[in-house]
Amino acid sequence: MKRIENFKSIIDKYDIIFFDAFGVIKTYQGLVPGIHKTFDYLEAQGKEYYIVTNDASRSPVQLAESYHRHGLKHITHDRIVSSGMLTKEYLDLKVDDGIVAFLGTPESSHYIDSSGLHTLPVSQINADNIDKVNALIFLDDEGFNWCDDLNKTVNILRKRTIPVIVANTDKAYPVSLSDVGIAIGGIAAMIESIIGKQFIRFGKPDSQMFMFAYDLIREYRPISKKQIVMVGDTLQTDILGGNKFGLDTVLVLSGNTLPKDADNRITSTGIVPTYICDSAVVGLDGFDF
């Protein structure tokens, strides 16, 4: 584990950079200050980069547009690999017909709609259609009534033996410098414990997420894992997932892991990144912006 002052020196060692989104490129306040410099440098050096994210709240096109609205034009939809894309792949292979119920926003249901199945929010499941529900997806922590729809979810899953997919495994996310909010992965874990059934999870730290991104790249160019580095702010998802898949990893201290907590968290979890860096913003030396 090496502490690195300038993120640019890490970029220079690799051909492809995988970035987490929240806490690395953006925070609850907007873009990480100066992050556009990193993407300017990546483009100037001809480096490939992808946003490998557990965010299944919106489609890759909508996620890219959210960066564009903040002035970061480099990130296009084809640069985004979302856990929702794995959910779509699973549904295409495993669920032929019927209703797919979901918890999340209407925008998040893009991943199910694109599979050609009939989708309904949990709130619209009732005695007349519950027998047609053939899968249930946890997509996002917004867009539904927590009390009514979570109770309904529990009872749907008590009555129906169906696959349940957690499209975003994050249990919490920062909402301010000191506070967090409960994410859909945390909600799913609670319901899983209540009904005593095991859910299917897509997203970091599972290796499927990294294999999906890896295979996308290998469709058009030869690449080895040694040429890729994963950059993230969370030990239990970004760093653990990258380590398990055999990638070098960078823990940045601009999101979930605060500088004062980093050493203790690494020691207590045993999850060790290849590098630690204050942020994913490149320094000014050696490059004219």
Protein backbone atom coordinates (compact mmCIF):
# COMPACT_ATOMS: atom_id res chain seq x y z
CA MET A 1 0.00 0.00 0.00
CA LYS A 2 1.51 3.29 -1.14
CA ARG A 3 0.40 6.81 -0.34
CA ILE A 4 0.45 8.87 -3.53
CA GLU A 5 0.43 12.67 -3.59
CA ASN A 6 -0.51 13.20 -7.22
CA PHE A 7 -3.17 11.04 -8.87
CA LYS A 8 -1.54 11.70 -12.25
CA SER A 9 1.33 9.36 -11.37
CA ILE A 10 -1.20 6.53 -10.95
CA ILE A 11 -2.89 7.22 -14.28
CA ASP A 12 0.47 7.08 -16.02
CA LYS A 13 0.98 3.45 -14.93
CA TYR A 14 -2.21 2.03 -16.49
CA ASP A 15 -4.04 1.86 -19.82
CA ILE A 16 -7.59 1.74 -18.46
CA ILE A 17 -9.05 3.45 -15.40
CA PHE A 18 -12.24 2.24 -13.71
CA PHE A 19 -13.83 4.98 -11.60
CA ASP A 20 -16.53 4.68 -9.01
CA ALA A 21 -18.98 7.58 -9.31
CA PHE A 22 -20.20 8.86 -5.95
CA GLY A 23 -17.37 9.99 -3.71
CA VAL A 24 -14.81 9.90 -6.53
CA ILE A 25 -16.22 12.03 -9.37
CA LYS A 26 -19.18 13.61 -7.60
CA THR A 27 -20.44 14.14 -4.06
CA TYR A 28 -23.65 15.38 -2.46
CA GLN A 29 -22.43 18.92 -3.33
CA GLY A 30 -21.88 18.24 -7.05
CA LEU A 31 -18.70 17.40 -8.93
CA VAL A 32 -15.50 16.92 -6.96
CA PRO A 33 -13.68 20.25 -7.43
CA GLY A 34 -11.10 20.00 -10.21
CA ILE A 35 -12.18 16.54 -11.44
CA HIS A 36 -12.49 17.87 -15.01
CA LYS A 37 -8.68 18.17 -15.01
CA THR A 38 -8.42 14.41 -14.61
CA PHE A 39 -10.59 13.72 -17.63
CA ASP A 40 -8.79 16.36 -19.68
CA TYR A 41 -5.55 14.57 -18.86
CA LEU A 42 -6.97 11.12 -19.64
CA GLU A 43 -8.12 12.34 -23.06
CA ALA A 44 -4.78 14.03 -23.77
CA GLN A 45 -2.90 10.85 -22.91
CA GLY A 46 -5.24 8.59 -24.87
CA LYS A 47 -6.24 6.61 -21.78
CA GLU A 48 -9.51 4.67 -21.63
CA TYR A 49 -11.81 5.15 -18.69
CA TYR A 50 -15.14 3.78 -17.48
CA ILE A 51 -17.50 4.66 -14.66
CA VAL A 52 -18.22 1.37 -12.88
CA THR A 53 -21.11 2.19 -10.60
CA ASN A 54 -23.71 0.55 -8.38
CA ASP A 55 -26.11 3.36 -9.31
CA ALA A 56 -29.16 1.76 -10.92
CA SER A 57 -31.39 4.80 -10.39
CA ARG A 58 -31.20 5.94 -14.02
CA SER A 59 -30.15 4.65 -17.43
CA PRO A 60 -26.55 5.15 -18.65
CA VAL A 61 -27.84 7.91 -20.96
CA GLN A 62 -29.48 9.73 -18.07
CA LEU A 63 -26.44 9.23 -15.83
CA ALA A 64 -24.20 10.70 -18.53
CA GLU A 65 -26.55 13.67 -18.93
CA SER A 66 -26.26 14.39 -15.21
CA TYR A 67 -22.49 14.84 -15.65
CA HIS A 68 -23.02 17.00 -18.72
CA ARG A 69 -25.31 19.32 -16.79
CA HIS A 70 -22.43 19.93 -14.39
CA GLY A 71 -20.05 20.70 -17.25
CA LEU A 72 -18.26 17.33 -17.42
CA LYS A 73 -18.80 16.44 -21.08
CA HIS A 74 -16.19 13.67 -21.29
CA ILE A 75 -18.40 11.00 -19.71
CA THR A 76 -20.69 9.57 -22.38
CA HIS A 77 -23.26 6.81 -21.91
CA ASP A 78 -20.97 4.17 -23.43
CA ARG A 79 -18.43 4.92 -20.68
CA ILE A 80 -20.87 3.94 -17.93
CA VAL A 81 -21.14 0.38 -16.62
CA SER A 82 -24.02 0.18 -14.15
CA SER A 83 -25.14 -2.71 -11.96
CA GLY A 84 -28.52 -2.21 -13.62
CA MET A 85 -27.00 -3.57 -16.83
CA LEU A 86 -26.32 -6.89 -15.10
CA THR A 87 -29.90 -6.93 -13.87
CA LYS A 88 -31.11 -6.55 -17.44
CA GLU A 89 -28.85 -9.40 -18.58
CA TYR A 90 -30.22 -11.68 -15.84
CA LEU A 91 -33.84 -10.90 -16.72
CA ASP A 92 -33.18 -11.53 -20.41
CA LEU A 93 -31.81 -14.98 -19.57
CA LYS A 94 -34.00 -16.10 -16.68
CA VAL A 95 -37.43 -14.41 -16.77
CA ASP A 96 -39.52 -15.08 -19.86
CA ASP A 97 -42.83 -13.40 -19.09
CA GLY A 98 -45.12 -11.98 -16.46
CA ILE A 99 -44.74 -8.96 -14.22
CA VAL A 100 -41.50 -7.66 -12.79
CA ALA A 101 -42.28 -5.64 -9.67
CA PHE A 102 -39.79 -3.01 -8.55
CA LEU A 103 -38.91 -0.57 -5.82
CA GLY A 104 -37.44 2.63 -7.23
CA THR A 105 -38.13 5.62 -9.41
CA PRO A 106 -39.81 5.37 -12.82
CA GLU A 107 -36.42 6.27 -14.34
CA SER A 108 -34.75 3.32 -12.65
CA SER A 109 -37.18 0.88 -14.28
CA HIS A 110 -35.39 1.54 -17.60
CA TYR A 111 -33.32 -1.59 -17.04
CA ILE A 112 -36.41 -3.77 -16.73
CA ASP A 113 -38.40 -2.05 -19.47
CA SER A 114 -35.54 -2.59 -21.89
CA SER A 115 -35.87 -6.35 -21.36
CA GLY A 116 -39.39 -6.28 -22.82
CA LEU A 117 -41.12 -7.47 -19.66
CA HIS A 118 -44.23 -5.96 -18.08
CA THR A 119 -43.03 -3.78 -15.23
CA LEU A 120 -45.01 -2.42 -12.32
CA PRO A 121 -44.01 -0.57 -9.16
CA VAL A 122 -44.68 -2.56 -5.99
CA SER A 123 -47.44 -0.06 -5.14
CA GLN A 124 -49.50 -1.36 -8.10
CA ILE A 125 -49.31 -5.03 -7.14
CA ASN A 126 -52.63 -6.30 -5.75
CA ALA A 127 -54.70 -9.46 -5.31
CA ASP A 128 -55.63 -9.45 -9.00
CA ASN A 129 -52.08 -9.50 -10.38
CA ILE A 130 -49.81 -10.89 -7.65
CA ASP A 131 -49.90 -14.38 -9.19
CA LYS A 132 -48.32 -12.95 -12.35
CA VAL A 133 -45.33 -11.42 -10.53
CA ASN A 134 -42.31 -13.48 -11.62
CA ALA A 135 -39.48 -11.33 -10.25
CA LEU A 136 -38.93 -8.41 -7.88
CA ILE A 137 -36.13 -5.86 -8.22
CA PHE A 138 -34.66 -3.44 -5.68
CA LEU A 139 -33.51 -0.52 -7.84
CA ASP A 140 -33.42 2.72 -5.86
CA ASP A 141 -34.28 4.12 -2.42
CA GLU A 142 -36.57 6.82 -3.86
CA GLY A 143 -39.82 6.77 -5.78
CA PHE A 144 -41.99 4.79 -3.37
CA ASN A 145 -43.70 5.00 0.01
CA TRP A 146 -41.30 3.43 2.46
CA CYS A 147 -43.92 2.29 4.96
CA ASP A 148 -46.66 0.96 2.66
CA ASP A 149 -44.50 -0.39 -0.15
CA LEU A 150 -41.90 -2.08 2.05
CA ASN A 151 -44.64 -3.87 3.96
CA LYS A 152 -46.21 -4.87 0.65
CA THR A 153 -42.82 -6.13 -0.60
CA VAL A 154 -42.45 -8.38 2.44
CA ASN A 155 -45.86 -9.91 1.83
CA ILE A 156 -45.35 -10.35 -1.92
CA LEU A 157 -42.18 -12.31 -1.19
CA ARG A 158 -43.92 -14.39 1.49
CA LYS A 159 -46.55 -15.42 -1.07
CA ARG A 160 -44.45 -15.78 -4.23
CA THR A 161 -41.38 -17.97 -4.74
CA ILE A 162 -39.62 -15.75 -7.25
CA PRO A 163 -36.11 -14.42 -7.90
CA VAL A 164 -35.35 -11.19 -6.06
CA ILE A 165 -32.57 -9.00 -7.46
CA VAL A 166 -30.75 -6.23 -5.63
CA ALA A 167 -29.48 -4.01 -8.44
CA ASN A 168 -27.59 -1.65 -6.11
CA THR A 169 -25.79 -3.29 -3.20
CA ASP A 170 -24.80 -0.01 -1.50
CA LYS A 171 -26.23 0.03 2.03
CA ALA A 172 -25.72 3.75 2.67
CA TYR A 173 -24.51 6.90 0.92
CA PRO A 174 -23.24 10.28 2.16
CA VAL A 175 -25.80 13.07 2.29
CA SER A 176 -23.50 15.56 4.01
CA LEU A 177 -19.97 15.68 5.36
CA SER A 178 -21.02 13.85 8.52
CA ASP A 179 -24.32 12.10 7.74
CA VAL A 180 -25.43 9.19 5.54
CA GLY A 181 -28.74 8.06 4.09
CA ILE A 182 -30.03 4.49 3.82
CA ALA A 183 -29.51 3.13 0.30
CA ILE A 184 -31.57 0.44 -1.42
CA GLY A 185 -28.98 -2.23 -0.56
CA GLY A 186 -29.60 -1.55 3.13
CA ILE A 187 -33.36 -1.80 2.63
CA ALA A 188 -32.94 -5.09 0.74
CA ALA A 189 -30.75 -6.54 3.51
CA MET A 190 -33.44 -5.73 6.09
CA ILE A 191 -36.21 -7.40 4.07
CA GLU A 192 -34.00 -10.38 3.28
CA SER A 193 -33.51 -10.97 7.00
CA ILE A 194 -37.26 -10.67 7.66
CA ILE A 195 -38.41 -13.23 5.09
CA GLY A 196 -35.41 -15.55 5.39
CA LYS A 197 -34.72 -15.86 1.66
CA GLN A 198 -31.46 -15.12 -0.13
CA PHE A 199 -31.52 -12.41 -2.78
CA ILE A 200 -29.42 -12.14 -5.95
CA ARG A 201 -27.01 -9.20 -5.82
CA PHE A 202 -25.39 -7.35 -8.68
CA GLY A 203 -22.81 -4.64 -8.15
CA LYS A 204 -19.55 -4.13 -6.35
CA PRO A 205 -17.96 -5.95 -4.57
CA ASP A 206 -19.19 -8.92 -6.64
CA SER A 207 -16.75 -9.93 -9.34
CA GLN A 208 -19.59 -10.12 -11.90
CA MET A 209 -19.57 -6.34 -12.08
CA PHE A 210 -15.89 -6.23 -13.01
CA MET A 211 -16.14 -9.20 -15.36
CA PHE A 212 -18.99 -7.45 -17.19
CA ALA A 213 -16.85 -4.33 -17.73
CA TYR A 214 -13.77 -6.43 -18.57
CA ASP A 215 -15.67 -8.44 -21.19
CA LEU A 216 -17.06 -5.26 -22.78
CA ILE A 217 -13.50 -4.04 -23.35
CA ARG A 218 -12.19 -7.40 -24.58
CA GLU A 219 -14.83 -7.43 -27.30
CA TYR A 220 -12.78 -4.88 -29.23
CA ARG A 221 -9.21 -5.05 -27.84
CA PRO A 222 -6.90 -7.43 -26.00
CA ILE A 223 -6.35 -6.39 -22.40
CA SER A 224 -4.98 -7.87 -19.20
CA LYS A 225 -6.03 -7.10 -15.66
CA LYS A 226 -2.58 -5.67 -14.96
CA GLN A 227 -3.40 -2.81 -17.33
CA ILE A 228 -6.49 -1.74 -15.34
CA VAL A 229 -6.80 0.12 -12.04
CA MET A 230 -10.00 0.57 -9.99
CA VAL A 231 -10.49 3.91 -8.21
CA GLY A 232 -13.02 4.09 -5.38
CA ASP A 233 -13.86 5.70 -2.06
CA THR A 234 -15.26 2.66 -0.23
CA LEU A 235 -13.23 -0.29 1.03
CA GLN A 236 -16.09 -2.81 1.23
CA THR A 237 -17.31 -2.29 -2.36
CA ASP A 238 -14.84 -0.59 -4.71
CA ILE A 239 -11.58 -1.78 -3.19
CA LEU A 240 -12.68 -5.25 -2.09
CA GLY A 241 -14.33 -5.85 -5.46
CA GLY A 242 -11.29 -4.69 -7.42
CA ASN A 243 -8.95 -6.73 -5.25
CA LYS A 244 -11.08 -9.89 -5.63
CA PHE A 245 -11.08 -9.50 -9.40
CA GLY A 246 -7.30 -9.12 -9.49
CA LEU A 247 -7.05 -5.40 -10.24
CA ASP A 248 -4.80 -2.83 -8.63
CA THR A 249 -6.91 -0.44 -6.57
CA VAL A 250 -6.82 3.18 -5.41
CA LEU A 251 -8.63 4.34 -2.28
CA VAL A 252 -9.43 8.03 -2.56
CA LEU A 253 -10.33 10.02 0.56
CA SER A 254 -12.93 12.30 -1.03
CA GLY A 255 -16.04 10.29 -0.19
CA ASN A 256 -17.05 7.50 2.17
CA THR A 257 -13.59 7.02 3.66
CA LEU A 258 -12.40 10.14 5.46
CA PRO A 259 -8.65 10.83 5.87
CA LYS A 260 -8.82 10.52 9.67
CA ASP A 261 -10.50 7.09 9.42
CA ALA A 262 -8.58 5.47 6.57
CA ASP A 263 -5.81 3.67 8.48
CA ASN A 264 -8.17 2.34 11.14
CA ARG A 265 -10.66 1.09 8.57
CA ILE A 266 -7.99 -0.67 6.55
CA THR A 267 -6.64 -2.32 9.70
CA SER A 268 -10.06 -3.37 10.99
CA THR A 269 -11.40 -4.71 7.68
CA GLY A 270 -8.18 -6.19 6.29
CA ILE A 271 -9.09 -4.70 2.91
CA VAL A 272 -5.88 -3.18 1.59
CA PRO A 273 -5.76 -0.94 -1.52
CA THR A 274 -2.70 -0.81 -3.75
CA TYR A 275 -2.59 2.99 -3.35
CA ILE A 276 -4.14 5.70 -1.20
CA CYS A 277 -4.63 9.17 -2.65
CA ASP A 278 -6.44 12.25 -1.35
CA SER A 279 -8.60 12.46 -4.47
CA ALA A 280 -8.82 11.47 -8.13
CA VAL A 281 -7.90 14.99 -9.23
CA VAL A 282 -4.60 15.23 -11.09
CA GLY A 283 -2.04 17.85 -10.05
CA LEU A 284 -0.89 20.62 -12.31
CA ASP A 285 2.73 19.59 -12.71
CA GLY A 286 3.75 18.27 -16.11
CA PHE A 287 0.49 19.14 -17.85
CA ASP A 288 -0.81 22.43 -19.13
CA PHE A 289 -4.53 22.92 -18.54
